[in-house]
């Protein structure tokens, strides 16, 4: 009997298949046979197993972002607090999928080719984080340094990849080292985007070398 084959159901069945066997299925036919879904139904949603894996982690981030952004307390936060809250919420949610991620993350951070497995996550991340960064620039939390301002979201993405790799390698109880990593590394990244000593030196230099009246 063929099971439900909507996208969310396939996500759930794929994660369960990987966890039960301890490895990726050999191919789409192998997965569909084990999951009890029709191969054409799979290809209606995904082009490959790699595409499914790519979409799955993006789906998890999207779920977290939508949930937390709907909370009243989140709406009252500034941009910095929103980004910290989003990170903490996502990595807390990901504990439920940690065994799956540990199985599939081998080699993920070896080179840029492997990071293509996160390109859908990258798109979703930019959509949600870009809105928060834009808000932070508008309210003065982050310094507007055109044309660098448009690259801020890329800076946060690089920080996110660092934290994701740290989380995968973290063996501390309760992922407490990851919590500390988020607090320290993201705060440092956001400090770079805020007004800092370099901006003050630049302003001072302009003042010192401005034409005398």
Protein backbone atom coordinates (compact mmCIF):
# COMPACT_ATOMS: atom_id res chain seq x y z
CA UNK A 1 0.00 0.00 0.00
CA UNK A 2 1.40 3.39 -1.04
CA UNK A 3 1.67 6.01 1.68
CA UNK A 4 0.81 9.69 1.64
CA UNK A 5 3.22 11.43 -0.74
CA UNK A 6 2.85 15.15 -0.06
CA UNK A 7 6.11 17.04 0.47
CA UNK A 8 5.97 17.09 4.29
CA UNK A 9 5.20 13.38 4.40
CA UNK A 10 8.14 12.60 2.11
CA UNK A 11 10.39 14.70 4.36
CA UNK A 12 9.29 12.70 7.39
CA UNK A 13 9.66 9.37 5.61
CA UNK A 14 13.12 10.24 4.32
CA UNK A 15 14.42 11.25 7.74
CA UNK A 16 12.98 8.06 9.23
CA UNK A 17 14.55 5.96 6.45
CA UNK A 18 18.00 7.48 7.03
CA UNK A 19 17.76 7.00 10.80
CA UNK A 20 16.49 3.43 10.56
CA UNK A 21 19.18 2.30 8.11
CA UNK A 22 22.00 4.53 9.34
CA UNK A 23 22.77 5.76 5.83
CA UNK A 24 21.38 7.50 2.76
CA UNK A 25 19.24 5.30 0.49
CA UNK A 26 21.17 4.09 -2.53
CA UNK A 27 18.88 5.86 -5.00
CA UNK A 28 15.33 7.16 -5.43
CA UNK A 29 13.96 3.70 -6.22
CA UNK A 30 15.54 2.31 -3.05
CA UNK A 31 14.04 5.08 -0.92
CA UNK A 32 10.58 4.84 -2.47
CA UNK A 33 10.55 1.07 -1.99
CA UNK A 34 11.50 1.37 1.67
CA UNK A 35 9.09 4.26 2.30
CA UNK A 36 6.20 2.72 0.39
CA UNK A 37 5.62 5.64 -1.94
CA UNK A 38 5.30 5.71 -5.71
CA UNK A 39 8.39 6.87 -7.61
CA UNK A 40 6.38 9.27 -9.83
CA UNK A 41 5.01 10.90 -6.65
CA UNK A 42 8.56 11.50 -5.47
CA UNK A 43 9.59 13.11 -8.74
CA UNK A 44 6.58 15.41 -8.64
CA UNK A 45 8.15 17.04 -5.56
CA UNK A 46 11.91 16.54 -5.93
CA UNK A 47 14.41 15.95 -8.71
CA UNK A 48 16.80 13.79 -6.68
CA UNK A 49 17.64 12.63 -3.18
CA UNK A 50 20.17 15.46 -2.96
CA UNK A 51 17.41 17.91 -3.84
CA UNK A 52 15.20 16.45 -1.10
CA UNK A 53 17.98 16.79 1.49
CA UNK A 54 18.62 20.36 0.38
CA UNK A 55 14.94 21.22 0.67
CA UNK A 56 14.54 19.49 4.04
CA UNK A 57 16.98 21.63 6.05
CA UNK A 58 15.59 24.74 4.33
CA UNK A 59 12.11 23.63 5.40
CA UNK A 60 13.25 23.28 9.01
CA UNK A 61 14.70 26.79 9.03
CA UNK A 62 11.57 28.20 7.41
CA UNK A 63 9.37 26.53 10.03
CA UNK A 64 11.42 27.98 12.88
CA UNK A 65 11.57 31.46 11.35
CA UNK A 66 7.83 31.65 10.68
CA UNK A 67 6.99 30.41 14.18
CA UNK A 68 9.29 32.73 16.08
CA UNK A 69 8.50 35.78 13.96
CA UNK A 70 4.83 35.40 14.86
CA UNK A 71 5.49 35.67 18.60
CA UNK A 72 4.61 38.98 20.27
CA UNK A 73 7.86 39.10 22.25
CA UNK A 74 9.88 38.73 19.05
CA UNK A 75 8.12 41.68 17.45
CA UNK A 76 9.23 43.88 20.36
CA UNK A 77 12.91 43.00 19.91
CA UNK A 78 15.52 45.09 18.13
CA UNK A 79 17.33 43.60 15.13
CA UNK A 80 20.23 42.23 17.18
CA UNK A 81 17.89 40.47 19.64
CA UNK A 82 15.81 39.10 16.76
CA UNK A 83 18.82 37.51 15.12
CA UNK A 84 20.02 36.00 18.38
CA UNK A 85 16.52 34.67 19.11
CA UNK A 86 16.27 33.15 15.62
CA UNK A 87 19.61 31.38 15.99
CA UNK A 88 18.79 30.02 19.43
CA UNK A 89 15.34 28.83 18.30
CA UNK A 90 16.66 27.12 15.18
CA UNK A 91 19.42 25.20 16.92
CA UNK A 92 17.06 24.24 19.72
CA UNK A 93 14.61 22.88 17.13
CA UNK A 94 17.42 21.06 15.34
CA UNK A 95 18.17 18.91 18.39
CA UNK A 96 15.18 16.81 17.30
CA UNK A 97 16.96 16.16 13.99
CA UNK A 98 20.51 15.90 15.30
CA UNK A 99 21.03 12.19 14.58
CA UNK A 100 19.91 12.73 10.99
CA UNK A 101 22.23 15.71 10.57
CA UNK A 102 25.20 13.85 12.02
CA UNK A 103 24.68 11.05 9.51
CA UNK A 104 24.39 13.36 6.51
CA UNK A 105 26.84 16.12 7.40
CA UNK A 106 30.06 14.21 6.68
CA UNK A 107 32.06 16.23 4.18
CA UNK A 108 29.50 19.04 4.10
CA UNK A 109 32.05 21.70 5.01
CA UNK A 110 35.02 20.37 3.03
CA UNK A 111 34.66 22.76 0.10
CA UNK A 112 32.25 25.07 -1.73
CA UNK A 113 31.01 22.19 -3.90
CA UNK A 114 29.71 20.38 -0.83
CA UNK A 115 28.07 23.58 0.44
CA UNK A 116 25.78 23.50 -2.60
CA UNK A 117 23.75 21.07 -0.51
CA UNK A 118 22.71 24.11 1.53
CA UNK A 119 21.76 26.46 -1.30
CA UNK A 120 18.01 26.27 -0.59
CA UNK A 121 18.73 26.95 3.08
CA UNK A 122 20.85 29.90 1.94
CA UNK A 123 17.91 31.34 0.00
CA UNK A 124 15.46 30.95 2.90
CA UNK A 125 18.05 32.33 5.33
CA UNK A 126 18.62 35.43 3.19
CA UNK A 127 14.89 36.07 2.94
CA UNK A 128 14.31 36.06 6.68
CA UNK A 129 17.62 37.44 7.93
CA UNK A 130 17.77 40.06 5.18
CA UNK A 131 14.51 41.57 6.45
CA UNK A 132 15.92 41.81 9.99
CA UNK A 133 19.21 43.31 8.80
CA UNK A 134 17.36 45.90 6.70
CA UNK A 135 15.33 46.80 9.78
CA UNK A 136 18.53 47.15 11.81
CA UNK A 137 20.05 49.52 9.25
CA UNK A 138 16.86 51.60 9.11
CA UNK A 139 16.71 52.06 12.88
CA UNK A 140 20.43 52.75 13.24
CA UNK A 141 21.46 49.53 14.99
CA UNK A 142 23.68 48.69 12.03
CA UNK A 143 25.76 51.31 10.28
CA UNK A 144 24.78 52.15 6.70
CA UNK A 145 28.03 51.76 4.76
CA UNK A 146 26.94 51.71 1.14
CA UNK A 147 27.79 49.67 -0.89
CA UNK A 148 28.90 47.29 1.91
CA UNK A 149 25.47 47.43 3.57
CA UNK A 150 24.03 45.09 0.95
CA UNK A 151 26.64 42.49 1.90
CA UNK A 152 25.71 42.34 5.58
CA UNK A 153 23.40 39.37 5.10
CA UNK A 154 26.29 37.46 3.51
CA UNK A 155 28.41 38.21 6.56
CA UNK A 156 25.69 36.80 8.82
CA UNK A 157 25.37 33.74 6.55
CA UNK A 158 29.08 32.99 6.94
CA UNK A 159 28.65 33.25 10.69
CA UNK A 160 25.65 30.89 10.50
CA UNK A 161 27.71 28.29 8.61
CA UNK A 162 30.39 28.57 11.29
CA UNK A 163 27.82 27.96 14.03
CA UNK A 164 26.20 25.08 12.11
CA UNK A 165 29.57 23.34 11.78
CA UNK A 166 30.30 24.03 15.46
CA UNK A 167 26.90 22.54 16.41
CA UNK A 168 27.52 19.40 14.36
CA UNK A 169 30.84 18.88 16.15
CA UNK A 170 29.56 19.88 19.61
CA UNK A 171 29.50 17.05 22.14
CA UNK A 172 28.68 19.11 25.24
CA UNK A 173 25.63 18.31 27.36
CA UNK A 174 22.61 20.31 26.30
CA UNK A 175 24.63 21.81 23.44
CA UNK A 176 25.79 24.43 25.94
CA UNK A 177 28.96 25.14 23.94
CA UNK A 178 26.84 25.90 20.89
CA UNK A 179 24.80 28.38 22.93
CA UNK A 180 28.02 30.12 23.95
CA UNK A 181 29.25 30.05 20.35
CA UNK A 182 26.06 31.72 19.13
CA UNK A 183 26.28 34.41 21.80
CA UNK A 184 29.94 35.22 21.17
CA UNK A 185 30.32 34.74 17.42
CA UNK A 186 27.04 36.32 16.32
CA UNK A 187 27.54 39.24 18.70
CA UNK A 188 30.99 39.81 17.20
CA UNK A 189 29.55 39.69 13.67
CA UNK A 190 26.82 42.17 14.54
CA UNK A 191 29.35 44.43 16.27
CA UNK A 192 31.18 44.62 12.94
CA UNK A 193 27.96 45.81 11.32
CA UNK A 194 27.29 48.42 14.00
CA UNK A 195 29.03 51.72 14.47
CA UNK A 196 32.51 50.99 15.77
CA UNK A 197 36.01 52.37 16.24
CA UNK A 198 36.75 52.35 12.50
CA UNK A 199 33.76 54.61 11.87
CA UNK A 200 34.91 56.95 14.62
CA UNK A 201 38.43 57.06 13.15
CA UNK A 202 36.99 57.79 9.72
CA UNK A 203 34.90 60.64 11.08
CA UNK A 204 37.89 62.00 12.98
CA UNK A 205 40.05 61.82 9.85
CA UNK A 206 37.47 63.70 7.80
CA UNK A 207 37.32 66.35 10.53
CA UNK A 208 41.11 66.73 10.74
CA UNK A 209 41.65 66.99 6.98
CA UNK A 210 38.58 69.03 6.14
CA UNK A 211 39.33 72.41 4.51
CA UNK A 212 39.77 75.14 7.11
CA UNK A 213 37.08 77.80 7.10
